[in-house]
N, C-alpha and C. Protein backbone atom coordinates (compact mmCIF):
# COMPACT_ATOMS: atom_id res chain seq x y z
N MET A 1 1.99 29.33 34.71
CA MET A 1 0.63 28.36 34.66
C MET A 1 -0.36 28.89 33.55
N SER A 2 -0.28 27.56 32.93
CA SER A 2 -1.33 27.53 31.53
C SER A 2 -2.80 27.41 32.11
N ALA A 3 -3.77 28.01 31.55
CA ALA A 3 -4.99 27.64 31.48
C ALA A 3 -5.52 26.72 30.85
N GLU A 4 -5.64 25.48 30.97
CA GLU A 4 -6.36 24.44 30.31
C GLU A 4 -7.44 24.18 30.81
N LEU A 5 -8.28 23.69 29.92
CA LEU A 5 -9.93 23.33 30.08
C LEU A 5 -9.71 21.77 30.95
N ARG A 6 -10.69 21.66 31.71
CA ARG A 6 -10.62 20.44 32.54
C ARG A 6 -12.02 19.78 31.74
N ILE A 7 -11.57 18.43 31.50
CA ILE A 7 -12.66 17.76 30.85
C ILE A 7 -13.09 16.79 31.85
N THR A 8 -14.38 16.76 31.93
CA THR A 8 -15.05 15.74 32.93
C THR A 8 -16.11 14.96 32.31
N ASP A 9 -16.45 13.68 32.59
CA ASP A 9 -17.61 13.22 32.12
C ASP A 9 -18.69 13.64 32.78
N THR A 10 -19.82 13.67 32.13
CA THR A 10 -21.18 14.18 32.79
C THR A 10 -22.28 13.04 32.54
N ASN A 11 -23.00 13.27 33.32
CA ASN A 11 -24.43 12.32 33.24
C ASN A 11 -25.62 12.93 32.44
N SER A 12 -25.71 12.63 31.13
CA SER A 12 -26.70 13.10 30.35
C SER A 12 -28.27 12.50 30.36
N VAL A 13 -28.58 12.00 31.14
CA VAL A 13 -29.66 11.16 31.04
C VAL A 13 -30.88 12.11 31.61
N ASN A 14 -32.19 12.03 31.03
CA ASN A 14 -33.08 12.84 31.29
C ASN A 14 -33.29 12.89 32.84
N ASP A 15 -33.78 13.78 33.29
CA ASP A 15 -33.91 14.08 34.86
C ASP A 15 -35.35 13.31 34.99
N SER A 16 -35.54 12.34 36.20
CA SER A 16 -36.57 11.52 36.60
C SER A 16 -37.32 12.22 37.50
N LYS A 17 -38.55 12.14 37.66
CA LYS A 17 -39.23 12.79 39.07
C LYS A 17 -39.26 11.95 39.97
N GLY A 18 -38.65 10.75 39.78
CA GLY A 18 -38.50 9.79 40.98
C GLY A 18 -39.53 8.70 40.84
N ARG A 19 -39.57 7.61 41.75
CA ARG A 19 -40.16 6.47 41.61
C ARG A 19 -40.49 5.98 42.94
N ALA A 20 -41.75 5.78 43.17
CA ALA A 20 -42.14 5.31 44.41
C ALA A 20 -43.52 3.91 44.25
N LEU A 21 -43.27 2.98 44.69
CA LEU A 21 -44.36 1.97 44.79
C LEU A 21 -44.64 1.71 43.26
N GLY A 22 -43.52 1.81 42.24
CA GLY A 22 -43.45 1.55 40.78
C GLY A 22 -44.17 2.61 40.26
N LEU A 23 -44.65 3.64 40.79
CA LEU A 23 -45.27 4.64 40.19
C LEU A 23 -44.38 6.07 39.70
N GLU A 24 -44.25 6.60 38.69
CA GLU A 24 -43.45 7.73 38.29
C GLU A 24 -44.04 8.98 39.05
N GLY A 25 -43.00 9.64 39.56
CA GLY A 25 -43.49 11.12 40.00
C GLY A 25 -44.25 11.32 41.46
N ASN A 26 -45.46 11.77 41.54
CA ASN A 26 -46.17 11.90 42.78
C ASN A 26 -47.53 11.13 42.46
N ASP A 27 -47.51 10.09 41.57
CA ASP A 27 -48.56 9.53 41.23
C ASP A 27 -49.02 8.33 42.64
N PHE A 28 -48.05 8.08 43.27
CA PHE A 28 -48.36 7.31 44.34
C PHE A 28 -49.40 7.82 45.26
N LEU A 29 -49.21 9.11 45.41
CA LEU A 29 -50.04 9.83 46.40
C LEU A 29 -51.35 9.56 46.29
N TYR A 30 -51.78 9.60 44.90
CA TYR A 30 -53.27 9.40 44.59
C TYR A 30 -53.59 7.99 45.32
N VAL A 31 -52.73 6.90 45.01
CA VAL A 31 -52.95 5.29 45.67
C VAL A 31 -52.98 5.48 46.97
N ILE A 32 -51.99 5.99 47.72
CA ILE A 32 -51.89 6.10 49.29
C ILE A 32 -53.04 6.70 49.55
N GLY A 33 -53.67 8.19 48.95
CA GLY A 33 -54.46 8.82 49.41
C GLY A 33 -55.98 7.93 49.55
N GLY A 34 -56.17 7.38 48.47
CA GLY A 34 -57.03 6.46 48.24
C GLY A 34 -57.27 5.36 49.32
N PHE A 35 -56.11 4.81 49.47
CA PHE A 35 -55.93 3.73 50.49
C PHE A 35 -56.44 4.51 51.80
N VAL A 36 -55.83 5.41 52.35
CA VAL A 36 -56.21 6.00 53.69
C VAL A 36 -57.68 6.21 53.86
N ALA A 37 -58.03 6.72 52.86
CA ALA A 37 -59.44 7.23 52.71
C ALA A 37 -60.17 6.24 52.79
N ALA A 38 -60.17 5.01 51.98
CA ALA A 38 -60.89 3.73 52.19
C ALA A 38 -60.96 2.91 53.59
N PHE A 39 -59.62 3.30 54.03
CA PHE A 39 -59.17 2.59 55.35
C PHE A 39 -60.12 3.24 56.61
N ALA A 40 -59.96 4.72 56.40
CA ALA A 40 -60.89 5.43 57.47
C ALA A 40 -62.33 5.23 57.33
N CYS A 41 -62.83 5.05 56.22
CA CYS A 41 -64.41 5.08 55.77
C CYS A 41 -64.85 3.62 56.51
N TYR A 42 -63.88 2.62 56.10
CA TYR A 42 -64.19 1.18 56.48
C TYR A 42 -64.23 1.29 58.50
N LEU A 43 -63.24 1.85 58.80
CA LEU A 43 -63.17 2.10 60.37
C LEU A 43 -64.20 2.67 60.80
N LEU A 44 -64.76 3.72 60.05
CA LEU A 44 -65.90 4.67 60.56
C LEU A 44 -67.25 3.89 60.55
N LEU A 45 -67.36 3.25 59.12
CA LEU A 45 -68.40 2.52 59.34
C LEU A 45 -68.68 1.20 60.07
N ASP A 46 -67.46 0.05 60.06
CA ASP A 46 -67.57 -0.84 60.93
C ASP A 46 -67.39 -0.80 62.37
N VAL A 47 -66.27 0.12 62.72
CA VAL A 47 -66.09 0.22 64.21
C VAL A 47 -67.07 1.22 64.77
N LEU A 48 -66.79 2.32 64.38
CA LEU A 48 -67.66 3.40 65.08
C LEU A 48 -69.24 3.28 64.95
N LEU A 49 -69.74 3.00 63.65
CA LEU A 49 -71.17 2.85 63.21
C LEU A 49 -71.75 1.52 63.69
N GLY A 50 -70.67 0.44 63.61
CA GLY A 50 -71.27 -0.74 64.16
C GLY A 50 -71.85 -1.87 62.81
N ALA A 51 -71.71 -0.97 61.62
CA ALA A 51 -72.16 -1.86 60.40
C ALA A 51 -71.56 -3.31 60.21
N ALA A 52 -72.16 -4.00 59.63
CA ALA A 52 -71.30 -5.26 59.20
C ALA A 52 -69.96 -5.19 58.46
N THR A 53 -69.43 -6.00 58.35
CA THR A 53 -68.05 -6.20 57.78
C THR A 53 -68.09 -6.19 56.36
N LEU A 54 -68.82 -6.71 55.47
CA LEU A 54 -69.09 -6.83 54.27
C LEU A 54 -69.68 -5.74 53.55
N PRO A 55 -70.49 -5.30 53.96
CA PRO A 55 -71.01 -3.82 53.49
C PRO A 55 -70.31 -2.58 53.67
N SER A 56 -69.31 -2.65 54.74
CA SER A 56 -68.51 -1.46 55.17
C SER A 56 -67.49 -1.52 54.10
N ILE A 57 -66.80 -2.73 53.80
CA ILE A 57 -65.60 -3.03 52.61
C ILE A 57 -66.27 -2.37 51.26
N LEU A 58 -67.68 -3.04 51.07
CA LEU A 58 -68.22 -2.73 49.86
C LEU A 58 -68.34 -1.17 49.62
N LEU A 59 -68.54 -0.44 50.70
CA LEU A 59 -68.78 0.86 50.52
C LEU A 59 -67.61 1.62 50.41
N ALA A 60 -66.29 1.22 51.15
CA ALA A 60 -64.98 1.66 51.08
C ALA A 60 -64.32 1.37 49.88
N LEU A 61 -64.44 0.21 48.99
CA LEU A 61 -63.79 -0.20 48.06
C LEU A 61 -63.82 0.68 47.01
N PRO A 62 -64.64 1.37 46.42
CA PRO A 62 -64.55 2.52 45.44
C PRO A 62 -63.77 3.55 45.77
N ILE A 63 -63.89 3.96 47.05
CA ILE A 63 -62.65 5.02 47.55
C ILE A 63 -61.04 4.64 47.28
N LEU A 64 -60.92 3.47 46.91
CA LEU A 64 -59.60 2.87 46.68
C LEU A 64 -59.59 2.63 45.03
N VAL A 65 -60.39 1.86 44.63
CA VAL A 65 -60.25 1.59 43.53
C VAL A 65 -60.42 2.83 42.40
N LEU A 66 -61.00 3.88 42.59
CA LEU A 66 -61.17 5.14 41.82
C LEU A 66 -59.84 5.67 41.43
N PRO A 67 -59.41 6.16 42.71
CA PRO A 67 -58.14 6.69 42.46
C PRO A 67 -56.76 5.93 41.74
N THR A 68 -56.79 4.61 42.03
CA THR A 68 -55.93 3.61 41.73
C THR A 68 -56.08 3.43 40.12
N ALA A 69 -57.45 3.12 39.42
CA ALA A 69 -57.80 3.13 38.33
C ALA A 69 -57.18 4.22 37.61
N TRP A 70 -57.71 5.75 38.22
CA TRP A 70 -57.12 6.80 37.57
C TRP A 70 -55.81 6.85 37.15
N VAL A 71 -54.88 6.46 37.99
CA VAL A 71 -53.34 6.56 37.96
C VAL A 71 -53.18 5.51 36.84
N LEU A 72 -53.65 4.16 37.22
CA LEU A 72 -52.82 3.16 36.22
C LEU A 72 -53.42 3.50 34.79
N LEU A 73 -54.78 4.10 34.36
CA LEU A 73 -55.30 4.12 33.06
C LEU A 73 -54.86 5.62 32.54
N PHE A 74 -54.77 6.63 33.34
CA PHE A 74 -54.74 7.99 32.62
C PHE A 74 -52.97 8.66 32.96
N ARG A 75 -52.32 7.91 34.08
CA ARG A 75 -51.05 8.65 34.37
C ARG A 75 -49.72 7.67 34.31
N HIS A 76 -50.07 6.62 34.61
CA HIS A 76 -48.93 5.67 34.47
C HIS A 76 -48.40 5.54 33.07
N ASN A 77 -47.06 5.48 32.90
CA ASN A 77 -46.38 5.45 31.49
C ASN A 77 -47.19 6.15 30.53
N LYS A 78 -47.57 7.35 30.84
CA LYS A 78 -48.36 8.15 29.64
C LYS A 78 -47.73 9.73 29.64
N PRO A 79 -47.69 9.99 28.59
CA PRO A 79 -47.18 11.43 28.67
C PRO A 79 -47.84 12.58 29.25
N ASP A 80 -47.34 13.64 29.61
CA ASP A 80 -47.95 14.57 30.22
C ASP A 80 -49.31 15.27 29.47
N GLY A 81 -50.31 15.36 30.08
CA GLY A 81 -51.58 16.09 29.35
C GLY A 81 -52.59 15.01 28.66
N TYR A 82 -52.01 13.44 28.89
CA TYR A 82 -52.92 12.35 28.09
C TYR A 82 -54.44 12.79 28.66
N ALA A 83 -54.49 12.41 29.91
CA ALA A 83 -56.10 12.70 30.42
C ALA A 83 -56.79 13.56 29.81
N GLU A 84 -56.09 14.87 29.68
CA GLU A 84 -56.63 16.02 29.31
C GLU A 84 -57.26 15.79 27.72
N ASP A 85 -56.09 15.45 27.07
CA ASP A 85 -56.28 14.92 25.45
C ASP A 85 -57.44 13.93 25.14
N PHE A 86 -57.34 12.83 26.12
CA PHE A 86 -58.38 11.75 26.09
C PHE A 86 -59.70 12.33 26.16
N PHE A 87 -60.02 13.18 27.23
CA PHE A 87 -61.46 13.45 27.52
C PHE A 87 -61.66 14.59 26.49
N ASP A 88 -60.83 15.06 25.84
CA ASP A 88 -61.02 16.36 25.11
C ASP A 88 -61.73 15.70 23.71
N GLN A 89 -60.84 14.40 23.43
CA GLN A 89 -61.41 13.76 22.26
C GLN A 89 -62.55 13.06 22.58
N LEU A 90 -62.86 12.56 23.62
CA LEU A 90 -64.11 12.27 23.93
C LEU A 90 -65.25 13.27 23.45
N VAL A 91 -65.11 14.37 24.11
CA VAL A 91 -66.16 15.54 24.16
C VAL A 91 -66.37 16.17 22.82
N THR A 92 -65.11 16.44 22.16
CA THR A 92 -65.42 17.17 20.69
C THR A 92 -65.41 16.11 19.74
N GLY A 93 -64.69 15.10 19.59
CA GLY A 93 -64.38 14.14 18.71
C GLY A 93 -63.37 14.46 17.89
N GLU A 94 -62.52 15.55 17.84
CA GLU A 94 -61.86 16.05 16.75
C GLU A 94 -60.28 15.31 16.99
N GLY A 95 -59.88 15.75 18.26
CA GLY A 95 -58.50 15.58 18.59
C GLY A 95 -57.43 16.36 17.42
N TRP A 96 -56.86 15.55 16.69
CA TRP A 96 -55.70 16.00 15.93
C TRP A 96 -56.08 15.68 14.40
N SER A 97 -57.39 15.30 14.31
CA SER A 97 -57.95 15.31 12.86
C SER A 97 -58.47 16.44 12.20
N PHE A 98 -58.68 16.64 10.93
CA PHE A 98 -59.09 17.89 10.10
C PHE A 98 -60.61 18.06 10.76
N ALA A 99 -61.02 19.18 11.12
CA ALA A 99 -62.45 19.68 11.49
C ALA A 99 -62.99 20.51 10.43
N ALA A 100 -63.62 20.07 9.54
CA ALA A 100 -64.13 20.73 8.32
C ALA A 100 -65.35 21.81 8.89
N ARG A 101 -65.59 21.84 9.87
CA ARG A 101 -66.84 22.79 10.26
C ARG A 101 -66.10 24.07 11.19
N ASN A 102 -64.89 24.07 11.28
CA ASN A 102 -63.80 24.90 11.86
C ASN A 102 -63.06 25.74 10.74
N GLN A 103 -63.29 25.50 9.42
CA GLN A 103 -62.61 25.68 8.64
C GLN A 103 -63.17 27.08 7.83
N PRO A 104 -62.50 27.78 7.21
CA PRO A 104 -63.25 28.74 6.18
C PRO A 104 -63.95 28.05 5.02
N ALA A 105 -64.95 28.54 4.27
CA ALA A 105 -65.52 27.86 3.25
C ALA A 105 -64.80 27.93 2.36
N HIS A 106 -64.01 29.20 1.89
CA HIS A 106 -63.51 29.69 0.66
C HIS A 106 -62.10 30.33 1.22
N PRO A 107 -61.11 29.48 1.55
CA PRO A 107 -59.64 30.08 2.34
C PRO A 107 -58.99 31.28 1.72
N GLY A 108 -58.97 31.32 0.34
CA GLY A 108 -58.21 32.29 -0.36
C GLY A 108 -58.95 33.71 -0.88
N ARG A 109 -60.03 33.31 -0.72
CA ARG A 109 -61.13 34.44 -1.28
C ARG A 109 -61.10 35.91 -0.42
N SER A 110 -60.89 36.93 -1.33
CA SER A 110 -60.73 38.27 -0.73
C SER A 110 -62.53 38.54 -0.35
N GLY A 111 -62.63 39.79 0.58
CA GLY A 111 -63.73 39.93 1.03
C GLY A 111 -64.05 39.73 2.49
N PRO A 112 -65.28 39.76 2.95
CA PRO A 112 -65.46 39.62 4.24
C PRO A 112 -65.41 38.57 4.94
N SER A 113 -64.91 38.05 5.87
CA SER A 113 -64.46 36.82 6.42
C SER A 113 -65.98 36.31 7.15
N THR A 114 -65.98 35.15 7.16
CA THR A 114 -67.13 34.61 7.96
C THR A 114 -67.54 35.02 9.29
N HIS A 115 -66.16 35.42 10.05
CA HIS A 115 -66.23 36.17 11.34
C HIS A 115 -67.01 37.59 11.21
N GLU A 116 -66.72 38.46 10.06
CA GLU A 116 -67.04 39.63 10.03
C GLU A 116 -68.76 39.42 9.61
N ASN A 117 -69.28 38.36 8.66
CA ASN A 117 -70.68 38.20 8.39
C ASN A 117 -71.28 37.97 9.67
N ARG A 118 -70.73 37.46 10.65
CA ARG A 118 -71.57 36.96 11.57
C ARG A 118 -71.88 38.14 12.26
N ARG A 119 -70.90 39.18 12.53
CA ARG A 119 -71.36 40.38 13.17
C ARG A 119 -72.18 41.50 12.93
N THR A 120 -72.76 41.44 11.73
CA THR A 120 -73.54 42.22 10.98
C THR A 120 -74.96 41.38 11.13
């Protein structure tokens, strides 16, 4: 009996996190959670507390819009860590650019570094 290698076709596509409601991975959970919370807020205001319909809708609407906007603006079709990088860019303003204030004044110079000068 000869020991031959069996050659089989493989599926070499990237693994997917799955899709639901047109959103990749678990992003749909934010939208569903926002919808459920907004609907519960509307029912609480309109049915249990007897508020008018329009103010109940207007108070419940941001609960749905904010998570949906978060998913569509910062997660849908964006790379991992996009939101963190975006807000880091807003706060520090540096991003991937050259930050002169973080560089040593004379990089090849021998002697105490600026860090050692600060300690004394």
